[in-house]
PDB file of N, CA and C in Angstrom:
ATOM      1  N   MET A   1     133.099  15.302 120.127  1.00  0.00           N
ATOM      2  CA  MET A   1     131.735  14.873 119.783  1.00  0.00           C
ATOM      3  C   MET A   1     131.089  15.934 118.905  1.00  0.00           C
ATOM      4  N   PRO A   2     130.574  15.533 117.738  1.00  0.00           N
ATOM      5  CA  PRO A   2     129.982  16.523 116.842  1.00  0.00           C
ATOM      6  C   PRO A   2     128.697  17.092 117.433  1.00  0.00           C
ATOM      7  N   THR A   3     128.487  18.392 117.218  1.00  0.00           N
ATOM      8  CA  THR A   3     127.272  19.020 117.718  1.00  0.00           C
ATOM      9  C   THR A   3     126.117  18.819 116.745  1.00  0.00           C
ATOM     10  N   GLU A   4     126.425  18.659 115.473  1.00  0.00           N
ATOM     11  CA  GLU A   4     125.391  18.452 114.457  1.00  0.00           C
ATOM     12  C   GLU A   4     125.416  16.993 114.028  1.00  0.00           C
ATOM     13  N   VAL A   5     124.366  16.272 114.376  1.00  0.00           N
ATOM     14  CA  VAL A   5     124.290  14.852 114.031  1.00  0.00           C
ATOM     15  C   VAL A   5     123.645  14.706 112.660  1.00  0.00           C
ATOM     16  N   ILE A   6     124.250  13.892 111.824  1.00  0.00           N
ATOM     17  CA  ILE A   6     123.676  13.552 110.522  1.00  0.00           C
ATOM     18  C   ILE A   6     123.278  12.084 110.588  1.00  0.00           C
ATOM     19  N   TYR A   7     121.993  11.822 110.448  1.00  0.00           N
ATOM     20  CA  TYR A   7     121.491  10.442 110.455  1.00  0.00           C
ATOM     21  C   TYR A   7     121.609   9.886 109.044  1.00  0.00           C
ATOM     22  N   ASN A   8     121.774   8.561 108.947  1.00  0.00           N
ATOM     23  CA  ASN A   8     121.912   7.981 107.613  1.00  0.00           C
ATOM     24  C   ASN A   8     121.355   6.564 107.560  1.00  0.00           C
ATOM     25  N   ARG A   9     121.157   6.131 106.347  1.00  0.00           N
ATOM     26  CA  ARG A   9     120.649   4.779 106.064  1.00  0.00           C
ATOM     27  C   ARG A   9     121.666   3.955 105.285  1.00  0.00           C
ATOM     28  N   ILE A  10     122.932   4.242 105.461  1.00  0.00           N
ATOM     29  CA  ILE A  10     123.957   3.534 104.696  1.00  0.00           C
ATOM     30  C   ILE A  10     123.925   2.038 104.997  1.00  0.00           C
ATOM     31  N   ALA A  11     123.879   1.675 106.271  1.00  0.00           N
ATOM     32  CA  ALA A  11     123.894   0.251 106.638  1.00  0.00           C
ATOM     33  C   ALA A  11     122.686  -0.475 106.053  1.00  0.00           C
ATOM     34  N   MET A  12     121.520   0.171 106.086  1.00  0.00           N
ATOM     35  CA  MET A  12     120.312  -0.451 105.537  1.00  0.00           C
ATOM     36  C   MET A  12     120.457  -0.673 104.024  1.00  0.00           C
ATOM     37  N   LEU A  13     120.954   0.336 103.331  1.00  0.00           N
ATOM     38  CA  LEU A  13     121.124   0.203 101.881  1.00  0.00           C
ATOM     39  C   LEU A  13     122.161  -0.868 101.542  1.00  0.00           C
ATOM     40  N   ARG A  14     123.230  -0.917 102.318  1.00  0.00           N
ATOM     41  CA  ARG A  14     124.250  -1.956 102.086  1.00  0.00           C
ATOM     42  C   ARG A  14     123.649  -3.335 102.284  1.00  0.00           C
ATOM     43  N   ALA A  15     122.887  -3.496 103.373  1.00  0.00           N
ATOM     44  CA  ALA A  15     122.286  -4.801 103.679  1.00  0.00           C
ATOM     45  C   ALA A  15     121.305  -5.221 102.590  1.00  0.00           C
ATOM     46  N   GLU A  16     120.480  -4.286 102.141  1.00  0.00           N
ATOM     47  CA  GLU A  16     119.507  -4.587 101.083  1.00  0.00           C
ATOM     48  C   GLU A  16     120.187  -5.098  99.824  1.00  0.00           C
ATOM     49  N   ARG A  17     121.362  -4.561  99.542  1.00  0.00           N
ATOM     50  CA  ARG A  17     122.055  -4.887  98.286  1.00  0.00           C
ATOM     51  C   ARG A  17     123.177  -5.893  98.454  1.00  0.00           C
ATOM     52  N   GLY A  18     123.383  -6.369  99.679  1.00  0.00           N
ATOM     53  CA  GLY A  18     124.418  -7.379  99.913  1.00  0.00           C
ATOM     54  C   GLY A  18     125.821  -6.878  99.681  1.00  0.00           C
ATOM     55  N   ILE A  19     126.070  -5.629 100.055  1.00  0.00           N
ATOM     56  CA  ILE A  19     127.383  -5.013  99.846  1.00  0.00           C
ATOM     57  C   ILE A  19     128.102  -4.920 101.194  1.00  0.00           C
ATOM     58  N   SER A  20     129.352  -5.331 101.239  1.00  0.00           N
ATOM     59  CA  SER A  20     130.129  -5.233 102.480  1.00  0.00           C
ATOM     60  C   SER A  20     130.639  -3.806 102.653  1.00  0.00           C
ATOM     61  N   ARG A  21     131.048  -3.493 103.881  1.00  0.00           N
ATOM     62  CA  ARG A  21     131.653  -2.179 104.134  1.00  0.00           C
ATOM     63  C   ARG A  21     132.879  -1.983 103.264  1.00  0.00           C
ATOM     64  N   ARG A  22     133.652  -3.047 103.131  1.00  0.00           N
ATOM     65  CA  ARG A  22     134.886  -2.957 102.339  1.00  0.00           C
ATOM     66  C   ARG A  22     134.566  -2.680 100.866  1.00  0.00           C
ATOM     67  N   GLU A  23     133.556  -3.363 100.327  1.00  0.00           N
ATOM     68  CA  GLU A  23     133.169  -3.139  98.914  1.00  0.00           C
ATOM     69  C   GLU A  23     132.721  -1.698  98.701  1.00  0.00           C
ATOM     70  N   LEU A  24     131.907  -1.186  99.624  1.00  0.00           N
ATOM     71  CA  LEU A  24     131.441   0.194  99.496  1.00  0.00           C
ATOM     72  C   LEU A  24     132.617   1.154  99.601  1.00  0.00           C
ATOM     73  N   ALA A  25     133.498   0.913 100.563  1.00  0.00           N
ATOM     74  CA  ALA A  25     134.660   1.784 100.746  1.00  0.00           C
ATOM     75  C   ALA A  25     135.526   1.818  99.493  1.00  0.00           C
ATOM     76  N   GLU A  26     135.766   0.647  98.899  1.00  0.00           N
ATOM     77  CA  GLU A  26     136.589   0.597  97.687  1.00  0.00           C
ATOM     78  C   GLU A  26     135.931   1.369  96.548  1.00  0.00           C
ATOM     79  N   ALA A  27     134.614   1.240  96.424  1.00  0.00           N
ATOM     80  CA  ALA A  27     133.897   1.953  95.359  1.00  0.00           C
ATOM     81  C   ALA A  27     133.956   3.463  95.562  1.00  0.00           C
ATOM     82  N   LEU A  28     134.000   3.895  96.831  1.00  0.00           N
ATOM     83  CA  LEU A  28     134.005   5.329  97.141  1.00  0.00           C
ATOM     84  C   LEU A  28     135.408   5.901  97.254  1.00  0.00           C
ATOM     85  N   GLY A  29     136.405   5.018  97.345  1.00  0.00           N
ATOM     86  CA  GLY A  29     137.779   5.487  97.499  1.00  0.00           C
ATOM     87  C   GLY A  29     138.095   5.963  98.910  1.00  0.00           C
ATOM     88  N   VAL A  30     137.433   5.339  99.904  1.00  0.00           N
ATOM     89  CA  VAL A  30     137.716   5.672 101.309  1.00  0.00           C
ATOM     90  C   VAL A  30     138.110   4.397 102.049  1.00  0.00           C
ATOM     91  N   HIS A  31     138.642   4.538 103.265  1.00  0.00           N
ATOM     92  CA  HIS A  31     139.000   3.387 104.084  1.00  0.00           C
ATOM     93  C   HIS A  31     137.722   2.725 104.582  1.00  0.00           C
ATOM     94  N   TYR A  32     137.732   1.403 104.700  1.00  0.00           N
ATOM     95  CA  TYR A  32     136.507   0.714 105.115  1.00  0.00           C
ATOM     96  C   TYR A  32     136.048   1.132 106.505  1.00  0.00           C
ATOM     97  N   GLN A  33     136.990   1.542 107.369  1.00  0.00           N
ATOM     98  CA  GLN A  33     136.584   2.006 108.700  1.00  0.00           C
ATOM     99  C   GLN A  33     135.791   3.303 108.617  1.00  0.00           C
ATOM    100  N   THR A  34     136.040   4.100 107.595  1.00  0.00           N
ATOM    101  CA  THR A  34     135.272   5.332 107.394  1.00  0.00           C
ATOM    102  C   THR A  34     133.804   5.009 107.199  1.00  0.00           C
ATOM    103  N   VAL A  35     133.519   3.943 106.466  1.00  0.00           N
ATOM    104  CA  VAL A  35     132.125   3.531 106.255  1.00  0.00           C
ATOM    105  C   VAL A  35     131.487   3.179 107.601  1.00  0.00           C
ATOM    106  N   GLY A  36     132.210   2.473 108.443  1.00  0.00           N
ATOM    107  CA  GLY A  36     131.705   2.146 109.777  1.00  0.00           C
ATOM    108  C   GLY A  36     131.431   3.391 110.604  1.00  0.00           C
ATOM    109  N   TYR A  37     132.356   4.355 110.565  1.00  0.00           N
ATOM    110  CA  TYR A  37     132.161   5.603 111.297  1.00  0.00           C
ATOM    111  C   TYR A  37     130.927   6.339 110.796  1.00  0.00           C
ATOM    112  N   LEU A  38     130.755   6.355 109.487  1.00  0.00           N
ATOM    113  CA  LEU A  38     129.580   7.007 108.898  1.00  0.00           C
ATOM    114  C   LEU A  38     128.298   6.325 109.366  1.00  0.00           C
ATOM    115  N   GLU A  39     128.270   4.993 109.279  1.00  0.00           N
ATOM    116  CA  GLU A  39     127.067   4.242 109.642  1.00  0.00           C
ATOM    117  C   GLU A  39     126.674   4.463 111.100  1.00  0.00           C
ATOM    118  N   ARG A  40     127.659   4.562 111.978  1.00  0.00           N
ATOM    119  CA  ARG A  40     127.381   4.748 113.407  1.00  0.00           C
ATOM    120  C   ARG A  40     127.139   6.206 113.779  1.00  0.00           C
ATOM    121  N   GLY A  41     127.263   7.102 112.821  1.00  0.00           N
ATOM    122  CA  GLY A  41     127.067   8.514 113.101  1.00  0.00           C
ATOM    123  C   GLY A  41     128.231   9.154 113.836  1.00  0.00           C
ATOM    124  N   GLU A  42     129.399   8.505 113.804  1.00  0.00           N
ATOM    125  CA  GLU A  42     130.581   9.037 114.474  1.00  0.00           C
ATOM    126  C   GLU A  42     131.333  10.017 113.583  1.00  0.00           C
ATOM    127  N   TYR A  43     130.937  10.074 112.338  1.00  0.00           N
ATOM    128  CA  TYR A  43     131.602  10.934 111.362  1.00  0.00           C
ATOM    129  C   TYR A  43     130.545  11.394 110.370  1.00  0.00           C
ATOM    130  N   SER A  44     130.509  12.702 110.112  1.00  0.00           N
ATOM    131  CA  SER A  44     129.593  13.236 109.112  1.00  0.00           C
ATOM    132  C   SER A  44     130.358  13.408 107.810  1.00  0.00           C
ATOM    133  N   PRO A  45     129.779  12.959 106.712  1.00  0.00           N
ATOM    134  CA  PRO A  45     130.499  13.039 105.440  1.00  0.00           C
ATOM    135  C   PRO A  45     130.562  14.463 104.913  1.00  0.00           C
ATOM    136  N   SER A  46     131.577  14.728 104.122  1.00  0.00           N
ATOM    137  CA  SER A  46     131.616  15.988 103.378  1.00  0.00           C
ATOM    138  C   SER A  46     130.478  15.943 102.362  1.00  0.00           C
ATOM    139  N   LEU A  47     130.121  17.080 101.846  1.00  0.00           N
ATOM    140  CA  LEU A  47     129.081  17.120 100.812  1.00  0.00           C
ATOM    141  C   LEU A  47     129.510  16.275  99.617  1.00  0.00           C
ATOM    142  N   HIS A  48     130.767  16.357  99.267  1.00  0.00           N
ATOM    143  CA  HIS A  48     131.285  15.581  98.135  1.00  0.00           C
ATOM    144  C   HIS A  48     131.105  14.084  98.359  1.00  0.00           C
ATOM    145  N   LEU A  49     131.462  13.615  99.558  1.00  0.00           N
ATOM    146  CA  LEU A  49     131.320  12.191  99.861  1.00  0.00           C
ATOM    147  C   LEU A  49     129.845  11.793  99.925  1.00  0.00           C
ATOM    148  N   ALA A  50     129.008  12.630 100.508  1.00  0.00           N
ATOM    149  CA  ALA A  50     127.571  12.330 100.580  1.00  0.00           C
ATOM    150  C   ALA A  50     126.983  12.178  99.178  1.00  0.00           C
ATOM    151  N   LEU A  51     127.374  13.048  98.272  1.00  0.00           N
ATOM    152  CA  LEU A  51     126.880  12.971  96.888  1.00  0.00           C
ATOM    153  C   LEU A  51     127.394  11.713  96.195  1.00  0.00           C
ATOM    154  N   ARG A  52     128.650  11.332  96.462  1.00  0.00           N
ATOM    155  CA  ARG A  52     129.199  10.109  95.866  1.00  0.00           C
ATOM    156  C   ARG A  52     128.480   8.876  96.395  1.00  0.00           C
ATOM    157  N   ILE A  53     128.145   8.868  97.689  1.00  0.00           N
ATOM    158  CA  ILE A  53     127.411   7.738  98.264  1.00  0.00           C
ATOM    159  C   ILE A  53     126.029   7.643  97.629  1.00  0.00           C
ATOM    160  N   ALA A  54     125.348   8.771  97.492  1.00  0.00           N
ATOM    161  CA  ALA A  54     124.025   8.784  96.866  1.00  0.00           C
ATOM    162  C   ALA A  54     124.107   8.295  95.421  1.00  0.00           C
ATOM    163  N   ALA A  55     125.113   8.734  94.696  1.00  0.00           N
ATOM    164  CA  ALA A  55     125.277   8.304  93.304  1.00  0.00           C
ATOM    165  C   ALA A  55     125.547   6.803  93.240  1.00  0.00           C
ATOM    166  N   TYR A  56     126.352   6.294  94.178  1.00  0.00           N
ATOM    167  CA  TYR A  56     126.657   4.862  94.201  1.00  0.00           C
ATOM    168  C   TYR A  56     125.374   4.038  94.366  1.00  0.00           C
ATOM    169  N   PHE A  57     124.501   4.478  95.280  1.00  0.00           N
ATOM    170  CA  PHE A  57     123.264   3.739  95.525  1.00  0.00           C
ATOM    171  C   PHE A  57     122.138   4.143  94.563  1.00  0.00           C
ATOM    172  N   GLU A  58     122.411   5.129  93.703  1.00  0.00           N
ATOM    173  CA  GLU A  58     121.441   5.608  92.708  1.00  0.00           C
ATOM    174  C   GLU A  58     120.149   6.093  93.357  1.00  0.00           C
ATOM    175  N   VAL A  59     120.318   6.880  94.417  1.00  0.00           N
ATOM    176  CA  VAL A  59     119.184   7.512  95.110  1.00  0.00           C
ATOM    177  C   VAL A  59     119.572   8.960  95.403  1.00  0.00           C
ATOM    178  N   SER A  60     118.599   9.772  95.804  1.00  0.00           N
ATOM    179  CA  SER A  60     118.907  11.154  96.169  1.00  0.00           C
ATOM    180  C   SER A  60     119.573  11.185  97.540  1.00  0.00           C
ATOM    181  N   VAL A  61     120.303  12.232  97.802  1.00  0.00           N
ATOM    182  CA  VAL A  61     121.005  12.382  99.082  1.00  0.00           C
ATOM    183  C   VAL A  61     120.023  12.297 100.246  1.00  0.00           C
ATOM    184  N   GLU A  62     118.823  12.863 100.076  1.00  0.00           N
ATOM    185  CA  GLU A  62     117.829  12.868 101.155  1.00  0.00           C
ATOM    186  C   GLU A  62     117.338  11.478 101.529  1.00  0.00           C
ATOM    187  N   VAL A  63     117.448  10.526 100.623  1.00  0.00           N
ATOM    188  CA  VAL A  63     117.060   9.152 100.933  1.00  0.00           C
ATOM    189  C   VAL A  63     118.044   8.546 101.942  1.00  0.00           C
ATOM    190  N   ILE A  64     119.294   8.965 101.881  1.00  0.00           N
ATOM    191  CA  ILE A  64     120.335   8.386 102.732  1.00  0.00           C
ATOM    192  C   ILE A  64     120.615   9.210 103.981  1.00  0.00           C
ATOM    193  N   PHE A  65     120.624  10.528 103.843  1.00  0.00           N
ATOM    194  CA  PHE A  65     121.038  11.401 104.938  1.00  0.00           C
ATOM    195  C   PHE A  65     119.916  12.329 105.391  1.00  0.00           C
ATOM    196  N   SER A  66     119.900  12.610 106.701  1.00  0.00           N
ATOM    197  CA  SER A  66     118.901  13.520 107.259  1.00  0.00           C
ATOM    198  C   SER A  66     119.439  14.145 108.539  1.00  0.00           C
ATOM    199  N   THR A  67     118.965  15.341 108.847  1.00  0.00           N
ATOM    200  CA  THR A  67     119.306  15.964 110.128  1.00  0.00           C
ATOM    201  C   THR A  67     118.343  15.506 111.219  1.00  0.00           C
ATOM    202  N   ASP A  68     117.277  14.824 110.832  1.00  0.00           N
ATOM    203  CA  ASP A  68     116.312  14.255 111.776  1.00  0.00           C
ATOM    204  C   ASP A  68     116.396  12.734 111.715  1.00  0.00           C
ATOM    205  N   PRO A  69     116.133  12.059 112.842  1.00  0.00           N
ATOM    206  CA  PRO A  69     116.156  10.588 112.812  1.00  0.00           C
ATOM    207  C   PRO A  69     115.136  10.051 111.811  1.00  0.00           C
ATOM    208  N   PHE A  70     115.496   8.989 111.136  1.00  0.00           N
ATOM    209  CA  PHE A  70     114.562   8.332 110.224  1.00  0.00           C
ATOM    210  C   PHE A  70     113.561   7.530 111.039  1.00  0.00           C
ATOM    211  N   ALA A  71     112.308   7.461 110.566  1.00  0.00           N
ATOM    212  CA  ALA A  71     111.322   6.591 111.207  1.00  0.00           C
ATOM    213  C   ALA A  71     111.773   5.150 111.009  1.00  0.00           C
ATOM    214  N   ARG A  72     111.541   4.321 112.006  1.00  0.00           N
ATOM    215  CA  ARG A  72     111.925   2.918 111.887  1.00  0.00           C
ATOM    216  C   ARG A  72     111.048   2.261 110.837  1.00  0.00           C
ATOM    217  N   LEU A  73     111.627   1.382 110.043  1.00  0.00           N
ATOM    218  CA  LEU A  73     110.851   0.683 109.026  1.00  0.00           C
ATOM    219  C   LEU A  73     109.753  -0.117 109.709  1.00  0.00           C
ATOM    220  N   GLY A  74     108.571  -0.042 109.152  1.00  0.00           N
ATOM    221  CA  GLY A  74     107.444  -0.765 109.730  1.00  0.00           C
ATOM    222  C   GLY A  74     106.676   0.062 110.744  1.00  0.00           C
ATOM    223  N   SER A  75     107.169   1.233 111.119  1.00  0.00           N
ATOM    224  CA  SER A  75     106.438   2.076 112.063  1.00  0.00           C
ATOM    225  C   SER A  75     105.341   2.834 111.321  1.00  0.00           C
ATOM    226  N   LYS A  76     104.393   3.355 112.069  1.00  0.00           N
ATOM    227  CA  LYS A  76     103.256   4.035 111.460  1.00  0.00           C
ATOM    228  C   LYS A  76     103.663   5.244 110.650  1.00  0.00           C
ATOM    229  N   ASP A  77     104.703   5.978 111.109  1.00  0.00           N
ATOM    230  CA  ASP A  77     105.094   7.173 110.377  1.00  0.00           C
ATOM    231  C   ASP A  77     106.135   6.917 109.301  1.00  0.00           C
ATOM    232  N   SER A  78     106.463   5.682 109.056  1.00  0.00           N
ATOM    233  CA  SER A  78     107.458   5.370 108.035  1.00  0.00           C
ATOM    234  C   SER A  78     106.873   5.590 106.644  1.00  0.00           C
ATOM    235  N   THR A  79     107.647   6.286 105.815  1.00  0.00           N
ATOM    236  CA  THR A  79     107.204   6.503 104.442  1.00  0.00           C
ATOM    237  C   THR A  79     107.886   5.533 103.496  1.00  0.00           C
ATOM    238  N   ALA A  80     108.766   4.709 104.018  1.00  0.00           N
ATOM    239  CA  ALA A  80     109.515   3.775 103.158  1.00  0.00           C
ATOM    240  C   ALA A  80     108.658   2.587 102.799  1.00  0.00           C
TER     241      ALA A  80
END
């Protein structure tokens, strides 16, 4: 079990854009199960992979990844 949790919004970004795990995995050159592990927080990406994911979605790394939980969309503290 990793001691440092990296939170992410990969699943949300995929859903917004109608992209399957398999499509994202193929674009990134990783196995589709890796995308699932990333989304569930079971695997933290390397810096290289995190940057490739951010580039794929055309957003900054901080939009996708955080060391703190993201506020739920629609909550008072949400900045999204």
